[in-house]
């Protein structure tokens, strides 16, 4: 059963590909107006064209989420295009900058903080404001391979709890989704499969269901947490990994 989010106004950062694209399209197909931002113009244009077919109102803009000024401009433009903001999904990641500390902290953590601060006045006026941050199961445990990304995602999960407590009196719910390994065309795991099949197979063997997750499966979790069905849930991190983290 699809979620009915008719009339909701949604921002999805990093919404041009992969998980972000799936989230944006899921909201659009549920009846929401959707704005996305990303840095890559080609993917942004392609996803905007898909949103135009599905959403009542669709908006897309280039934005460098490592820059506070870009974030402020983007949120204001998105709110103007949509007529307000009801839901914010902070999905962008700096992981593809070779696990750079500055990229992961600026994009995975601080962009979520800054986007929420810019969107807060609109979310307050909404009367049904909701924020969903996208973290990762990498933030649940120590990592020798990707320490910057793991630390940034751990901080984002912790910030979600503080943010939920701060914003509850203003009527805004804040939750988080921590995906496991998600595969999609042009994505990280497709690249690993092609360049380091042994590493890919090791990760795959650790997933109890025997397959990688799909972006749509994360989108469903996000729509649930943003919907009225989760109206009494805040400050929670929902792990969506097919049991991957159960094996440590």
C-alpha atoms as a PDB file:
ATOM      1  CA  UNK A   1       0.000   0.000   0.000  1.00  0.00           C
ATOM      2  CA  UNK A   2       1.623   3.296  -1.031  1.00  0.00           C
ATOM      3  CA  UNK A   3       1.845   6.090   1.508  1.00  0.00           C
ATOM      4  CA  UNK A   4      -0.567   8.943   0.901  1.00  0.00           C
ATOM      5  CA  UNK A   5       1.370  12.176   1.370  1.00  0.00           C
ATOM      6  CA  UNK A   6      -0.874  14.282  -0.824  1.00  0.00           C
ATOM      7  CA  UNK A   7      -0.201  17.973  -0.407  1.00  0.00           C
ATOM      8  CA  UNK A   8       2.955  17.544   1.661  1.00  0.00           C
ATOM      9  CA  UNK A   9       5.949  19.667   0.694  1.00  0.00           C
ATOM     10  CA  UNK A  10       9.226  17.783   0.846  1.00  0.00           C
ATOM     11  CA  UNK A  11      12.920  18.604   0.506  1.00  0.00           C
ATOM     12  CA  UNK A  12      15.388  15.789  -0.210  1.00  0.00           C
ATOM     13  CA  UNK A  13      19.057  16.760  -0.173  1.00  0.00           C
ATOM     14  CA  UNK A  14      21.330  14.633  -2.308  1.00  0.00           C
ATOM     15  CA  UNK A  15      18.162  13.684  -4.151  1.00  0.00           C
ATOM     16  CA  UNK A  16      19.425  13.096  -7.676  1.00  0.00           C
ATOM     17  CA  UNK A  17      20.594   9.473  -7.489  1.00  0.00           C
ATOM     18  CA  UNK A  18      20.515   6.282  -5.460  1.00  0.00           C
ATOM     19  CA  UNK A  19      18.712   6.418  -2.131  1.00  0.00           C
ATOM     20  CA  UNK A  20      17.918  10.130  -2.431  1.00  0.00           C
ATOM     21  CA  UNK A  21      16.340   9.683  -5.848  1.00  0.00           C
ATOM     22  CA  UNK A  22      14.235   6.761  -4.601  1.00  0.00           C
ATOM     23  CA  UNK A  23      13.037   8.824  -1.622  1.00  0.00           C
ATOM     24  CA  UNK A  24      12.147  11.822  -3.787  1.00  0.00           C
ATOM     25  CA  UNK A  25      10.230   9.705  -6.298  1.00  0.00           C
ATOM     26  CA  UNK A  26       8.407   7.810  -3.547  1.00  0.00           C
ATOM     27  CA  UNK A  27       7.160  11.070  -2.030  1.00  0.00           C
ATOM     28  CA  UNK A  28       6.177  12.375  -5.460  1.00  0.00           C
ATOM     29  CA  UNK A  29       4.264   9.211  -6.302  1.00  0.00           C
ATOM     30  CA  UNK A  30       2.490   9.531  -2.968  1.00  0.00           C
ATOM     31  CA  UNK A  31       1.180  12.962  -3.937  1.00  0.00           C
ATOM     32  CA  UNK A  32       3.763  15.300  -2.391  1.00  0.00           C
ATOM     33  CA  UNK A  33       5.442  18.312  -3.918  1.00  0.00           C
ATOM     34  CA  UNK A  34       9.177  17.612  -3.935  1.00  0.00           C
ATOM     35  CA  UNK A  35      12.373  19.650  -4.153  1.00  0.00           C
ATOM     36  CA  UNK A  36      15.767  18.032  -4.615  1.00  0.00           C
ATOM     37  CA  UNK A  37      19.300  19.362  -4.632  1.00  0.00           C
ATOM     38  CA  UNK A  38      22.668  17.935  -5.600  1.00  0.00           C
ATOM     39  CA  UNK A  39      25.928  19.019  -7.194  1.00  0.00           C
ATOM     40  CA  UNK A  40      25.850  16.917 -10.374  1.00  0.00           C
ATOM     41  CA  UNK A  41      23.844  18.752 -13.026  1.00  0.00           C
ATOM     42  CA  UNK A  42      23.219  15.764 -15.310  1.00  0.00           C
ATOM     43  CA  UNK A  43      21.763  13.460 -12.641  1.00  0.00           C
ATOM     44  CA  UNK A  44      19.831  16.381 -11.137  1.00  0.00           C
ATOM     45  CA  UNK A  45      18.183  17.148 -14.478  1.00  0.00           C
ATOM     46  CA  UNK A  46      17.340  13.501 -15.097  1.00  0.00           C
ATOM     47  CA  UNK A  47      15.667  13.055 -11.717  1.00  0.00           C
ATOM     48  CA  UNK A  48      13.852  16.397 -12.064  1.00  0.00           C
ATOM     49  CA  UNK A  49      12.353  15.093 -15.314  1.00  0.00           C
ATOM     50  CA  UNK A  50      11.128  11.992 -13.470  1.00  0.00           C
ATOM     51  CA  UNK A  51       9.650  14.123 -10.712  1.00  0.00           C
ATOM     52  CA  UNK A  52       7.850  16.276 -13.256  1.00  0.00           C
ATOM     53  CA  UNK A  53       5.984  13.156 -14.362  1.00  0.00           C
ATOM     54  CA  UNK A  54       5.060  12.102 -10.826  1.00  0.00           C
ATOM     55  CA  UNK A  55       4.734  15.186  -8.641  1.00  0.00           C
ATOM     56  CA  UNK A  56       2.185  17.965  -8.583  1.00  0.00           C
ATOM     57  CA  UNK A  57       5.046  20.390  -7.952  1.00  0.00           C
ATOM     58  CA  UNK A  58       8.683  19.546  -8.592  1.00  0.00           C
ATOM     59  CA  UNK A  59      11.732  21.722  -7.983  1.00  0.00           C
ATOM     60  CA  UNK A  60      15.444  21.050  -8.375  1.00  0.00           C
ATOM     61  CA  UNK A  61      18.514  23.190  -7.829  1.00  0.00           C
ATOM     62  CA  UNK A  62      22.260  22.774  -7.758  1.00  0.00           C
ATOM     63  CA  UNK A  63      23.679  23.134  -4.254  1.00  0.00           C
ATOM     64  CA  UNK A  64      27.064  22.530  -2.674  1.00  0.00           C
ATOM     65  CA  UNK A  65      25.981  21.218   0.709  1.00  0.00           C
ATOM     66  CA  UNK A  66      29.436  21.807   2.144  1.00  0.00           C
ATOM     67  CA  UNK A  67      28.728  25.548   1.896  1.00  0.00           C
ATOM     68  CA  UNK A  68      26.391  27.169   4.430  1.00  0.00           C
ATOM     69  CA  UNK A  69      25.508  30.011   2.045  1.00  0.00           C
ATOM     70  CA  UNK A  70      24.446  27.567  -0.676  1.00  0.00           C
ATOM     71  CA  UNK A  71      22.235  25.713   1.783  1.00  0.00           C
ATOM     72  CA  UNK A  72      20.460  28.876   2.912  1.00  0.00           C
ATOM     73  CA  UNK A  73      19.818  29.929  -0.687  1.00  0.00           C
ATOM     74  CA  UNK A  74      18.580  26.486  -1.694  1.00  0.00           C
ATOM     75  CA  UNK A  75      16.159  26.062   1.221  1.00  0.00           C
ATOM     76  CA  UNK A  76      14.649  29.508   0.626  1.00  0.00           C
ATOM     77  CA  UNK A  77      14.207  28.746  -3.083  1.00  0.00           C
ATOM     78  CA  UNK A  78      12.702  25.317  -2.376  1.00  0.00           C
ATOM     79  CA  UNK A  79      10.233  26.762   0.135  1.00  0.00           C
ATOM     80  CA  UNK A  80       9.187  29.407  -2.368  1.00  0.00           C
ATOM     81  CA  UNK A  81       8.707  26.837  -5.128  1.00  0.00           C
ATOM     82  CA  UNK A  82       6.733  24.428  -2.937  1.00  0.00           C
ATOM     83  CA  UNK A  83       4.816  27.021  -0.935  1.00  0.00           C
ATOM     84  CA  UNK A  84       6.407  25.907   2.336  1.00  0.00           C
ATOM     85  CA  UNK A  85       8.143  22.882   3.839  1.00  0.00           C
ATOM     86  CA  UNK A  86       6.541  20.028   5.780  1.00  0.00           C
ATOM     87  CA  UNK A  87       9.242  17.361   5.546  1.00  0.00           C
ATOM     88  CA  UNK A  88      13.020  17.544   5.317  1.00  0.00           C
ATOM     89  CA  UNK A  89      15.105  14.512   4.373  1.00  0.00           C
ATOM     90  CA  UNK A  90      18.854  15.047   4.838  1.00  0.00           C
ATOM     91  CA  UNK A  91      20.413  12.392   2.648  1.00  0.00           C
ATOM     92  CA  UNK A  92      23.597  13.863   1.166  1.00  0.00           C
ATOM     93  CA  UNK A  93      26.983  12.287   1.817  1.00  0.00           C
ATOM     94  CA  UNK A  94      30.600  13.250   1.329  1.00  0.00           C
ATOM     95  CA  UNK A  95      31.679   9.607   1.371  1.00  0.00           C
ATOM     96  CA  UNK A  96      32.758   9.608  -2.254  1.00  0.00           C
ATOM     97  CA  UNK A  97      35.502  12.105  -1.417  1.00  0.00           C
ATOM     98  CA  UNK A  98      37.738   9.144  -0.442  1.00  0.00           C
ATOM     99  CA  UNK A  99      36.532   9.112   3.181  1.00  0.00           C
ATOM    100  CA  UNK A 100      37.774  12.676   3.629  1.00  0.00           C
ATOM    101  CA  UNK A 101      37.216  13.995   7.158  1.00  0.00           C
ATOM    102  CA  UNK A 102      36.322  17.460   5.923  1.00  0.00           C
ATOM    103  CA  UNK A 103      33.870  16.171   3.295  1.00  0.00           C
ATOM    104  CA  UNK A 104      32.162  13.717   5.647  1.00  0.00           C
ATOM    105  CA  UNK A 105      31.836  16.187   8.507  1.00  0.00           C
ATOM    106  CA  UNK A 106      30.750  19.055   6.249  1.00  0.00           C
ATOM    107  CA  UNK A 107      28.227  17.070   4.197  1.00  0.00           C
ATOM    108  CA  UNK A 108      27.105  14.082   6.273  1.00  0.00           C
ATOM    109  CA  UNK A 109      26.828  16.010   9.542  1.00  0.00           C
ATOM    110  CA  UNK A 110      26.974  19.790   9.248  1.00  0.00           C
ATOM    111  CA  UNK A 111      24.828  19.961   6.102  1.00  0.00           C
ATOM    112  CA  UNK A 112      22.065  18.169   8.005  1.00  0.00           C
ATOM    113  CA  UNK A 113      22.398  20.655  10.856  1.00  0.00           C
ATOM    114  CA  UNK A 114      22.443  23.692   8.586  1.00  0.00           C
ATOM    115  CA  UNK A 115      19.610  22.510   6.360  1.00  0.00           C
ATOM    116  CA  UNK A 116      17.419  21.851   9.385  1.00  0.00           C
ATOM    117  CA  UNK A 117      18.195  25.293  10.803  1.00  0.00           C
ATOM    118  CA  UNK A 118      17.270  26.947   7.496  1.00  0.00           C
ATOM    119  CA  UNK A 119      14.084  24.878   7.169  1.00  0.00           C
ATOM    120  CA  UNK A 120      12.963  25.174  10.806  1.00  0.00           C
ATOM    121  CA  UNK A 121      10.763  28.299  10.426  1.00  0.00           C
ATOM    122  CA  UNK A 122       8.871  26.615   7.602  1.00  0.00           C
ATOM    123  CA  UNK A 123       8.593  23.312   9.481  1.00  0.00           C
ATOM    124  CA  UNK A 124       7.197  25.142  12.505  1.00  0.00           C
ATOM    125  CA  UNK A 125       4.538  26.846  10.403  1.00  0.00           C
ATOM    126  CA  UNK A 126       3.635  23.527   8.841  1.00  0.00           C
ATOM    127  CA  UNK A 127       2.056  22.158  12.023  1.00  0.00           C
ATOM    128  CA  UNK A 128       3.122  18.666  10.955  1.00  0.00           C
ATOM    129  CA  UNK A 129       6.850  19.100  10.475  1.00  0.00           C
ATOM    130  CA  UNK A 130       9.113  16.080  10.235  1.00  0.00           C
ATOM    131  CA  UNK A 131      12.826  15.594   9.650  1.00  0.00           C
ATOM    132  CA  UNK A 132      14.413  12.315   8.616  1.00  0.00           C
ATOM    133  CA  UNK A 133      18.208  12.091   8.615  1.00  0.00           C
ATOM    134  CA  UNK A 134      19.923   9.361   6.594  1.00  0.00           C
ATOM    135  CA  UNK A 135      22.817   7.799   8.500  1.00  0.00           C
ATOM    136  CA  UNK A 136      24.387   4.339   8.012  1.00  0.00           C
ATOM    137  CA  UNK A 137      25.039   1.162   9.950  1.00  0.00           C
ATOM    138  CA  UNK A 138      28.706   2.173   9.592  1.00  0.00           C
ATOM    139  CA  UNK A 139      27.994   4.569  12.466  1.00  0.00           C
ATOM    140  CA  UNK A 140      27.032   1.712  14.786  1.00  0.00           C
ATOM    141  CA  UNK A 141      30.520   0.289  15.256  1.00  0.00           C
ATOM    142  CA  UNK A 142      34.216   1.002  14.880  1.00  0.00           C
ATOM    143  CA  UNK A 143      35.647   1.132  11.369  1.00  0.00           C
ATOM    144  CA  UNK A 144      39.256   0.850  10.235  1.00  0.00           C
ATOM    145  CA  UNK A 145      38.309   1.185   6.561  1.00  0.00           C
ATOM    146  CA  UNK A 146      36.125   4.311   6.607  1.00  0.00           C
ATOM    147  CA  UNK A 147      36.662   6.036   9.980  1.00  0.00           C
ATOM    148  CA  UNK A 148      35.601   9.533   8.850  1.00  0.00           C
ATOM    149  CA  UNK A 149      32.325   8.375   7.308  1.00  0.00           C
ATOM    150  CA  UNK A 150      31.543   6.113  10.260  1.00  0.00           C
ATOM    151  CA  UNK A 151      32.246   8.881  12.778  1.00  0.00           C
ATOM    152  CA  UNK A 152      30.134  11.412  10.882  1.00  0.00           C
ATOM    153  CA  UNK A 153      27.199   9.002  10.694  1.00  0.00           C
ATOM    154  CA  UNK A 154      27.519   8.127  14.389  1.00  0.00           C
ATOM    155  CA  UNK A 155      27.442  11.843  15.187  1.00  0.00           C
ATOM    156  CA  UNK A 156      24.381  12.290  12.964  1.00  0.00           C
ATOM    157  CA  UNK A 157      22.505   9.563  14.845  1.00  0.00           C
ATOM    158  CA  UNK A 158      23.383  11.158  18.169  1.00  0.00           C
ATOM    159  CA  UNK A 159      22.434  14.604  16.869  1.00  0.00           C
ATOM    160  CA  UNK A 160      19.063  13.212  15.788  1.00  0.00           C
ATOM    161  CA  UNK A 161      18.221  12.462  19.424  1.00  0.00           C
ATOM    162  CA  UNK A 162      19.220  15.948  20.580  1.00  0.00           C
ATOM    163  CA  UNK A 163      17.452  17.563  17.649  1.00  0.00           C
ATOM    164  CA  UNK A 164      14.276  15.594  18.437  1.00  0.00           C
ATOM    165  CA  UNK A 165      14.287  16.800  22.032  1.00  0.00           C
ATOM    166  CA  UNK A 166      14.929  20.405  21.027  1.00  0.00           C
ATOM    167  CA  UNK A 167      12.254  20.512  18.319  1.00  0.00           C
ATOM    168  CA  UNK A 168       9.472  18.503  19.980  1.00  0.00           C
ATOM    169  CA  UNK A 169       8.010  21.612  21.729  1.00  0.00           C
ATOM    170  CA  UNK A 170       7.821  23.222  18.291  1.00  0.00           C
ATOM    171  CA  UNK A 171       5.784  20.313  16.928  1.00  0.00           C
ATOM    172  CA  UNK A 172       8.577  18.898  14.749  1.00  0.00           C
ATOM    173  CA  UNK A 173       9.477  15.206  14.854  1.00  0.00           C
ATOM    174  CA  UNK A 174      13.041  14.096  14.057  1.00  0.00           C
ATOM    175  CA  UNK A 175      14.078  10.548  13.205  1.00  0.00           C
ATOM    176  CA  UNK A 176      16.876   8.765  11.402  1.00  0.00           C
ATOM    177  CA  UNK A 177      17.262   5.803   9.056  1.00  0.00           C
ATOM    178  CA  UNK A 178      20.511   3.809   9.069  1.00  0.00           C
ATOM    179  CA  UNK A 179      20.751   1.789   5.854  1.00  0.00           C
ATOM    180  CA  UNK A 180      23.023  -1.170   5.350  1.00  0.00           C
ATOM    181  CA  UNK A 181      24.705  -1.932   2.031  1.00  0.00           C
ATOM    182  CA  UNK A 182      22.474  -0.626  -0.776  1.00  0.00           C
ATOM    183  CA  UNK A 183      23.180  -1.383  -4.433  1.00  0.00           C
ATOM    184  CA  UNK A 184      22.027   0.634  -7.440  1.00  0.00           C
ATOM    185  CA  UNK A 185      23.342   1.403 -10.942  1.00  0.00           C
ATOM    186  CA  UNK A 186      26.350   3.685 -10.783  1.00  0.00           C
ATOM    187  CA  UNK A 187      26.551   3.348  -6.999  1.00  0.00           C
ATOM    188  CA  UNK A 188      29.352   2.437  -4.615  1.00  0.00           C
ATOM    189  CA  UNK A 189      28.620  -1.272  -4.393  1.00  0.00           C
ATOM    190  CA  UNK A 190      28.337  -1.647  -8.159  1.00  0.00           C
ATOM    191  CA  UNK A 191      31.819  -0.142  -8.380  1.00  0.00           C
ATOM    192  CA  UNK A 192      33.178  -2.491  -5.694  1.00  0.00           C
ATOM    193  CA  UNK A 193      31.614  -5.472  -7.460  1.00  0.00           C
ATOM    194  CA  UNK A 194      33.501  -4.557 -10.616  1.00  0.00           C
ATOM    195  CA  UNK A 195      36.838  -3.587  -9.069  1.00  0.00           C
ATOM    196  CA  UNK A 196      37.137  -5.804  -5.958  1.00  0.00           C
ATOM    197  CA  UNK A 197      34.854  -8.796  -6.284  1.00  0.00           C
ATOM    198  CA  UNK A 198      36.346 -10.502  -3.210  1.00  0.00           C
ATOM    199  CA  UNK A 199      35.434  -7.535  -0.978  1.00  0.00           C
ATOM    200  CA  UNK A 200      31.952  -7.379  -2.499  1.00  0.00           C
ATOM    201  CA  UNK A 201      31.400 -11.085  -1.873  1.00  0.00           C
ATOM    202  CA  UNK A 202      32.578 -10.786   1.752  1.00  0.00           C
ATOM    203  CA  UNK A 203      30.015  -8.079   2.445  1.00  0.00           C
ATOM    204  CA  UNK A 204      27.297  -9.970   0.595  1.00  0.00           C
ATOM    205  CA  UNK A 205      28.020 -13.102   2.651  1.00  0.00           C
ATOM    206  CA  UNK A 206      27.406 -11.084   5.817  1.00  0.00           C
ATOM    207  CA  UNK A 207      23.841 -10.170   4.876  1.00  0.00           C
ATOM    208  CA  UNK A 208      21.429 -12.843   6.189  1.00  0.00           C
ATOM    209  CA  UNK A 209      19.042 -12.477   3.253  1.00  0.00           C
ATOM    210  CA  UNK A 210      21.867 -13.061   0.782  1.00  0.00           C
ATOM    211  CA  UNK A 211      21.450  -9.879  -1.245  1.00  0.00           C
ATOM    212  CA  UNK A 212      22.171  -6.169  -1.160  1.00  0.00           C
ATOM    213  CA  UNK A 213      19.376  -3.798  -0.251  1.00  0.00           C
ATOM    214  CA  UNK A 214      17.552  -1.619  -2.777  1.00  0.00           C
ATOM    215  CA  UNK A 215      17.023   2.154  -2.600  1.00  0.00           C
ATOM    216  CA  UNK A 216      13.232   1.710  -2.626  1.00  0.00           C
ATOM    217  CA  UNK A 217      13.468  -0.268   0.617  1.00  0.00           C
ATOM    218  CA  UNK A 218      15.081   2.702   2.336  1.00  0.00           C
ATOM    219  CA  UNK A 219      12.549   5.080   0.782  1.00  0.00           C
ATOM    220  CA  UNK A 220       9.707   3.079   2.337  1.00  0.00           C
ATOM    221  CA  UNK A 221      11.278   3.416   5.787  1.00  0.00           C
ATOM    222  CA  UNK A 222      11.685   7.173   5.308  1.00  0.00           C
ATOM    223  CA  UNK A 223       8.089   7.636   4.166  1.00  0.00           C
ATOM    224  CA  UNK A 224       6.862   5.735   7.207  1.00  0.00           C
ATOM    225  CA  UNK A 225       8.847   7.900   9.641  1.00  0.00           C
ATOM    226  CA  UNK A 226       7.714  11.087   7.897  1.00  0.00           C
ATOM    227  CA  UNK A 227       4.073  10.038   7.744  1.00  0.00           C
ATOM    228  CA  UNK A 228       1.258  10.394  10.300  1.00  0.00           C
ATOM    229  CA  UNK A 229       1.602   6.648  10.947  1.00  0.00           C
ATOM    230  CA  UNK A 230       4.763   7.546  12.903  1.00  0.00           C
ATOM    231  CA  UNK A 231       3.212  10.574  14.623  1.00  0.00           C
ATOM    232  CA  UNK A 232       4.297   9.369  18.104  1.00  0.00           C
ATOM    233  CA  UNK A 233       7.839   8.412  17.096  1.00  0.00           C
ATOM    234  CA  UNK A 234      10.700  10.857  17.489  1.00  0.00           C
ATOM    235  CA  UNK A 235      14.402  10.627  18.287  1.00  0.00           C
ATOM    236  CA  UNK A 236      14.587   7.117  16.862  1.00  0.00           C
ATOM    237  CA  UNK A 237      17.117   5.533  14.478  1.00  0.00           C
ATOM    238  CA  UNK A 238      15.543   2.826  12.337  1.00  0.00           C
ATOM    239  CA  UNK A 239      18.099   0.323  11.072  1.00  0.00           C
ATOM    240  CA  UNK A 240      17.166  -0.892   7.588  1.00  0.00           C
ATOM    241  CA  UNK A 241      19.826  -3.421   6.614  1.00  0.00           C
ATOM    242  CA  UNK A 242      18.269  -6.852   6.145  1.00  0.00           C
ATOM    243  CA  UNK A 243      19.952  -8.007   9.345  1.00  0.00           C
ATOM    244  CA  UNK A 244      23.451  -7.070   8.160  1.00  0.00           C
ATOM    245  CA  UNK A 245      24.422  -5.421  11.444  1.00  0.00           C
ATOM    246  CA  UNK A 246      23.306  -8.447  13.466  1.00  0.00           C
ATOM    247  CA  UNK A 247      26.476 -10.267  12.480  1.00  0.00           C
ATOM    248  CA  UNK A 248      28.754  -7.429  13.591  1.00  0.00           C
END
